[in-house]
Amino acid sequence: MTYSDREISIPNGILISIEGPEKTGKTWLPLATLPGPIAYINCDRDNTRLLRALRKKGQKILTSDEPHLFVPMPTDDILRQPDRDVLAQVAARALKPWKAFKTDYLTALQDPKVRCVVADSGTKAYMNCRLGRFGKLLEVAPVLYSKTNFEFANLLQIAHESDKVVVWINRIGDEYARGTDSKGREVSNKTGGSKTLGYKEFNYEMDTIIRTDVNGEGEFSAEIYREGVGRPDVRGLRFEGEELTMPHILSKLTGTKIERWQS
């Protein structure tokens, strides 16, 4: 192997997680303000109304023939069957949308017409991955997770190698820490913090983590919560009002002109 100190080119692609509480603009921010064409792969809540509104405003958002890849709930007939049969049928119902999600995502990364990819959400996608493989989310032996974790991590690694702006939307939940109560029993207590829900290594794979929020007056904001692009000076930077756009965020993250990230 030969080593050198030659100049390293700045990649066009960047991998971002946008996370935050419900109804804080996680989906709106990338879909409304990223430069198009945007490929949107959705396995979370149905956002048809948002898509229609943004398309009417001229935003170029592309979806597949199945724009909402949700897992149908098991019917009463399925639930009345023996547990083993229930798990098999739940897995079968989850595996189809999970495979469709992967196919749409990988196709978007390879499509030269697509500039940005938005995957909504990482939390639900990982849940569908586990359901598709195990038929359940709880009481799964840790050793079995190696396959699903590798499968999911591979999607993130492939995004790193693309020339796209790839945004994964994620939910957050309360963070817990183990402790003991007054009787010495082990309990879980809220720490007051929050964590990303889903694949536990998710944020390690991200170039940047953006957190969204909304105040009591209904004013939205976003903050660069974590960064891994060599720009510690922008950590904690908040975007509000007219600067609450992905081009503003990307410009600060990369130290490049905002025009590079506009349509």
Protein backbone atom coordinates (compact mmCIF):
# COMPACT_ATOMS: atom_id res chain seq x y z
CA MET A 1 0.00 0.00 0.00
CA THR A 2 1.27 3.46 -0.93
CA TYR A 3 0.55 6.45 1.34
CA SER A 4 0.45 10.09 0.33
CA ASP A 5 -0.69 13.47 1.60
CA ARG A 6 -2.38 14.56 -1.63
CA GLU A 7 -5.46 16.73 -1.42
CA ILE A 8 -8.68 14.80 -0.75
CA SER A 9 -11.67 15.93 -2.79
CA ILE A 10 -14.82 17.00 -0.96
CA PRO A 11 -17.57 14.42 -1.52
CA ASN A 12 -20.87 15.52 -2.99
CA GLY A 13 -22.82 13.17 -0.76
CA ILE A 14 -23.64 13.54 2.91
CA LEU A 15 -25.61 11.33 5.30
CA ILE A 16 -27.89 13.13 7.75
CA SER A 17 -30.30 12.07 10.48
CA ILE A 18 -33.14 14.45 11.28
CA GLU A 19 -34.73 13.55 14.57
CA GLY A 20 -37.03 15.14 17.09
CA PRO A 21 -40.35 14.91 18.92
CA GLU A 22 -43.57 14.39 16.99
CA LYS A 23 -44.92 17.29 14.93
CA THR A 24 -41.71 19.32 14.97
CA GLY A 25 -41.15 19.46 11.19
CA LYS A 26 -38.84 16.45 10.75
CA THR A 27 -40.42 15.45 7.45
CA TRP A 28 -41.35 18.92 6.25
CA LEU A 29 -37.81 20.30 6.55
CA PRO A 30 -36.10 18.00 4.00
CA LEU A 31 -39.07 17.56 1.66
CA ALA A 32 -39.87 21.26 1.47
CA THR A 33 -36.36 22.70 1.33
CA LEU A 34 -33.89 20.20 -0.16
CA PRO A 35 -32.97 20.72 -3.81
CA GLY A 36 -34.84 18.39 -6.14
CA PRO A 37 -35.43 15.92 -7.54
CA ILE A 38 -35.99 14.26 -4.16
CA ALA A 39 -36.72 10.53 -3.91
CA TYR A 40 -39.02 9.95 -0.93
CA ILE A 41 -39.27 6.44 0.52
CA ASN A 42 -41.89 6.24 3.24
CA CYS A 43 -42.75 3.40 5.63
CA ASP A 44 -44.00 5.61 8.44
CA ARG A 45 -47.22 7.64 8.68
CA ASP A 46 -49.09 8.52 5.49
CA ASN A 47 -47.87 11.92 4.25
CA THR A 48 -49.95 12.15 1.07
CA ARG A 49 -51.38 15.55 2.00
CA LEU A 50 -47.91 17.00 2.57
CA LEU A 51 -46.63 15.58 -0.71
CA ARG A 52 -49.56 17.07 -2.66
CA ALA A 53 -49.10 20.48 -1.04
CA LEU A 54 -45.36 20.59 -1.75
CA ARG A 55 -45.74 19.36 -5.32
CA LYS A 56 -48.31 22.10 -5.98
CA LYS A 57 -45.66 24.60 -4.89
CA GLY A 58 -43.28 23.17 -7.48
CA GLN A 59 -41.14 20.89 -5.32
CA LYS A 60 -39.92 17.90 -7.34
CA ILE A 61 -40.62 14.88 -5.11
CA LEU A 62 -40.47 11.38 -6.60
CA THR A 63 -42.17 8.32 -5.13
CA SER A 64 -42.50 4.72 -6.25
CA ASP A 65 -45.73 3.00 -7.33
CA GLU A 66 -46.27 2.18 -3.65
CA PRO A 67 -45.64 5.52 -1.93
CA HIS A 68 -46.60 4.28 1.54
CA LEU A 69 -44.91 1.00 2.52
CA PHE A 70 -46.70 0.20 5.75
CA VAL A 71 -47.08 -3.18 7.47
CA PRO A 72 -50.75 -4.22 7.62
CA MET A 73 -52.03 -5.22 11.04
CA PRO A 74 -52.73 -8.95 11.50
CA THR A 75 -56.39 -9.86 11.16
CA ASP A 76 -58.44 -11.61 13.84
CA ASP A 77 -58.20 -14.86 11.86
CA ILE A 78 -54.42 -14.73 12.08
CA LEU A 79 -54.37 -13.83 15.78
CA ARG A 80 -56.55 -16.85 16.63
CA GLN A 81 -53.94 -19.24 15.24
CA PRO A 82 -51.14 -20.90 17.28
CA ASP A 83 -48.32 -18.55 18.26
CA ARG A 84 -45.84 -20.09 15.84
CA ASP A 85 -48.22 -19.60 12.91
CA VAL A 86 -48.98 -16.04 14.00
CA LEU A 87 -45.28 -15.16 14.03
CA ALA A 88 -44.79 -16.66 10.58
CA GLN A 89 -47.68 -14.71 9.09
CA VAL A 90 -46.71 -11.44 10.77
CA ALA A 91 -43.19 -11.90 9.39
CA ALA A 92 -44.57 -12.54 5.91
CA ARG A 93 -46.73 -9.40 6.07
CA ALA A 94 -43.77 -7.27 7.20
CA LEU A 95 -41.19 -8.75 4.84
CA LYS A 96 -42.91 -7.51 1.66
CA PRO A 97 -42.91 -3.78 2.56
CA TRP A 98 -39.41 -4.09 4.04
CA LYS A 99 -38.06 -5.54 0.80
CA ALA A 100 -39.92 -2.88 -1.18
CA PHE A 101 -38.42 -0.18 1.03
CA LYS A 102 -34.91 -1.52 0.44
CA THR A 103 -35.46 -1.78 -3.30
CA ASP A 104 -36.81 1.77 -3.60
CA TYR A 105 -34.01 3.14 -1.45
CA LEU A 106 -31.21 1.41 -3.36
CA THR A 107 -32.76 2.32 -6.70
CA ALA A 108 -32.92 5.99 -5.67
CA LEU A 109 -29.25 5.97 -4.65
CA GLN A 110 -28.28 4.69 -8.09
CA ASP A 111 -30.62 6.93 -10.12
CA PRO A 112 -28.62 9.76 -11.77
CA LYS A 113 -31.76 11.92 -11.94
CA VAL A 114 -32.15 11.90 -8.14
CA ARG A 115 -30.23 14.54 -6.21
CA CYS A 116 -31.49 13.85 -2.68
CA VAL A 117 -32.99 10.83 -0.92
CA VAL A 118 -35.31 11.06 2.10
CA ALA A 119 -36.05 7.83 4.03
CA ASP A 120 -38.95 8.08 6.47
CA SER A 121 -38.37 6.75 8.98
CA GLY A 122 -35.30 4.87 10.16
CA THR A 123 -37.21 3.95 13.30
CA LYS A 124 -40.05 2.26 11.41
CA ALA A 125 -37.76 0.75 8.77
CA TYR A 126 -35.70 -1.04 11.41
CA MET A 127 -38.89 -2.24 13.09
CA ASN A 128 -40.13 -3.63 9.76
CA CYS A 129 -36.76 -5.29 9.21
CA ARG A 130 -37.01 -7.10 12.56
CA LEU A 131 -40.67 -8.01 12.07
CA GLY A 132 -39.88 -9.37 8.62
CA ARG A 133 -37.13 -11.60 9.99
CA PHE A 134 -38.56 -12.65 13.38
CA GLY A 135 -42.30 -11.92 13.31
CA LYS A 136 -41.94 -10.04 16.61
CA LEU A 137 -40.01 -7.20 18.25
CA LEU A 138 -39.53 -8.55 21.78
CA GLU A 139 -37.99 -11.68 23.28
CA VAL A 140 -35.59 -12.18 20.39
CA ALA A 141 -32.20 -13.68 21.24
CA PRO A 142 -29.49 -11.00 20.90
CA VAL A 143 -27.36 -13.28 18.71
CA LEU A 144 -30.11 -13.25 16.07
CA TYR A 145 -29.90 -9.50 15.68
CA SER A 146 -26.54 -9.74 13.93
CA LYS A 147 -28.25 -10.46 10.61
CA THR A 148 -30.77 -7.61 10.81
CA ASN A 149 -28.12 -5.20 12.10
CA PHE A 150 -25.80 -6.06 9.23
CA GLU A 151 -28.65 -5.71 6.75
CA PHE A 152 -29.54 -2.27 8.07
CA ALA A 153 -25.95 -1.05 8.45
CA ASN A 154 -25.32 -2.01 4.84
CA LEU A 155 -28.02 0.43 3.69
CA LEU A 156 -26.25 3.24 5.50
CA GLN A 157 -22.82 2.27 4.17
CA ILE A 158 -24.07 2.26 0.59
CA ALA A 159 -25.44 5.78 1.13
CA HIS A 160 -21.98 6.92 2.25
CA GLU A 161 -20.61 5.78 -1.10
CA SER A 162 -23.22 7.66 -3.15
CA ASP A 163 -23.10 11.24 -4.41
CA LYS A 164 -26.51 12.07 -2.87
CA VAL A 165 -27.68 14.07 0.08
CA VAL A 166 -29.32 11.24 2.03
CA VAL A 167 -31.63 12.14 4.91
CA TRP A 168 -33.02 9.61 7.34
CA ILE A 169 -35.87 10.80 9.54
CA ASN A 170 -35.94 9.29 13.02
CA ARG A 171 -38.12 9.32 16.09
CA ILE A 172 -36.73 9.94 19.55
CA GLY A 173 -37.86 8.65 22.93
CA ASP A 174 -37.01 8.94 26.60
CA GLU A 175 -33.61 7.70 27.70
CA TYR A 176 -33.48 5.28 30.63
CA ALA A 177 -30.67 4.15 32.91
CA ARG A 178 -30.60 1.11 35.15
CA GLY A 179 -30.59 1.66 38.90
CA THR A 180 -31.98 0.22 42.11
CA ASP A 181 -34.94 1.24 44.23
CA SER A 182 -35.07 1.60 48.02
CA LYS A 183 -35.41 -2.17 48.37
CA GLY A 184 -32.40 -2.93 46.21
CA ARG A 185 -34.45 -4.09 43.22
CA GLU A 186 -33.22 -3.29 39.74
CA VAL A 187 -35.32 -0.61 38.00
CA SER A 188 -35.10 1.62 34.96
CA ASN A 189 -35.26 5.36 35.57
CA LYS A 190 -35.65 8.22 33.12
CA THR A 191 -32.45 10.24 32.80
CA GLY A 192 -34.19 13.34 31.46
CA GLY A 193 -32.41 12.86 28.16
CA SER A 194 -33.59 11.36 24.89
CA LYS A 195 -32.29 8.83 22.40
CA THR A 196 -32.88 7.81 18.82
CA LEU A 197 -35.37 4.97 18.53
CA GLY A 198 -34.50 2.01 16.31
CA TYR A 199 -31.14 0.67 15.19
CA LYS A 200 -28.84 1.49 18.10
CA GLU A 201 -25.75 2.14 15.92
CA PHE A 202 -27.67 4.48 13.63
CA ASN A 203 -26.15 7.77 14.72
CA TYR A 204 -22.60 6.39 14.57
CA GLU A 205 -23.08 6.01 10.82
CA MET A 206 -24.36 9.56 10.28
CA ASP A 207 -22.26 12.49 9.12
CA THR A 208 -24.57 14.82 11.00
CA ILE A 209 -27.53 14.69 13.37
CA ILE A 210 -30.10 17.48 13.18
CA ARG A 211 -32.70 17.89 15.93
CA THR A 212 -35.95 19.70 15.28
CA ASP A 213 -38.18 21.43 17.81
CA VAL A 214 -41.16 23.76 18.13
CA ASN A 215 -41.78 26.27 20.91
CA GLY A 216 -45.01 27.17 22.66
CA GLU A 217 -45.79 29.81 20.06
CA GLY A 218 -45.59 27.29 17.21
CA GLU A 219 -42.23 28.53 15.92
CA PHE A 220 -40.10 25.76 14.43
CA SER A 221 -36.33 25.43 14.68
CA ALA A 222 -33.52 22.97 13.97
CA GLU A 223 -30.15 22.50 15.66
CA ILE A 224 -26.96 20.77 14.57
CA TYR A 225 -26.94 18.32 17.45
CA ARG A 226 -23.92 16.23 16.44
CA GLU A 227 -21.52 16.44 13.51
CA GLY A 228 -18.87 14.17 12.06
CA VAL A 229 -17.69 16.24 9.11
CA GLY A 230 -14.81 18.00 10.82
CA ARG A 231 -16.78 21.12 11.70
CA PRO A 232 -17.04 21.23 15.51
CA ASP A 233 -17.55 25.00 15.26
CA VAL A 234 -21.10 24.49 13.93
CA ARG A 235 -22.20 22.09 16.67
CA GLY A 236 -25.14 23.62 18.53
CA LEU A 237 -25.92 26.06 15.72
CA ARG A 238 -29.66 26.78 15.50
CA PHE A 239 -31.70 27.63 12.43
CA GLU A 240 -34.95 29.57 12.67
CA GLY A 241 -37.21 31.65 10.46
CA GLU A 242 -35.96 32.16 6.92
CA GLU A 243 -32.75 30.26 7.67
CA LEU A 244 -34.64 27.09 8.57
CA THR A 245 -33.81 25.37 5.30
CA MET A 246 -31.62 22.46 4.31
CA PRO A 247 -29.46 24.61 1.98
CA HIS A 248 -28.60 26.89 4.94
CA ILE A 249 -27.79 23.84 7.09
CA LEU A 250 -25.74 22.10 4.38
CA SER A 251 -23.84 25.29 3.62
CA LYS A 252 -22.80 25.66 7.26
CA LEU A 253 -21.95 21.98 7.61
CA THR A 254 -19.71 21.84 4.57
CA GLY A 255 -18.31 25.38 4.59
CA THR A 256 -19.52 25.88 1.02
CA LYS A 257 -21.69 28.48 -0.64
CA ILE A 258 -25.43 28.08 -0.19
CA GLU A 259 -25.93 28.15 -3.97
CA ARG A 260 -24.37 24.70 -4.18
CA TRP A 261 -27.35 23.27 -2.27
CA GLN A 262 -30.16 25.16 -3.91
CA SER A 263 -32.25 23.95 -6.84
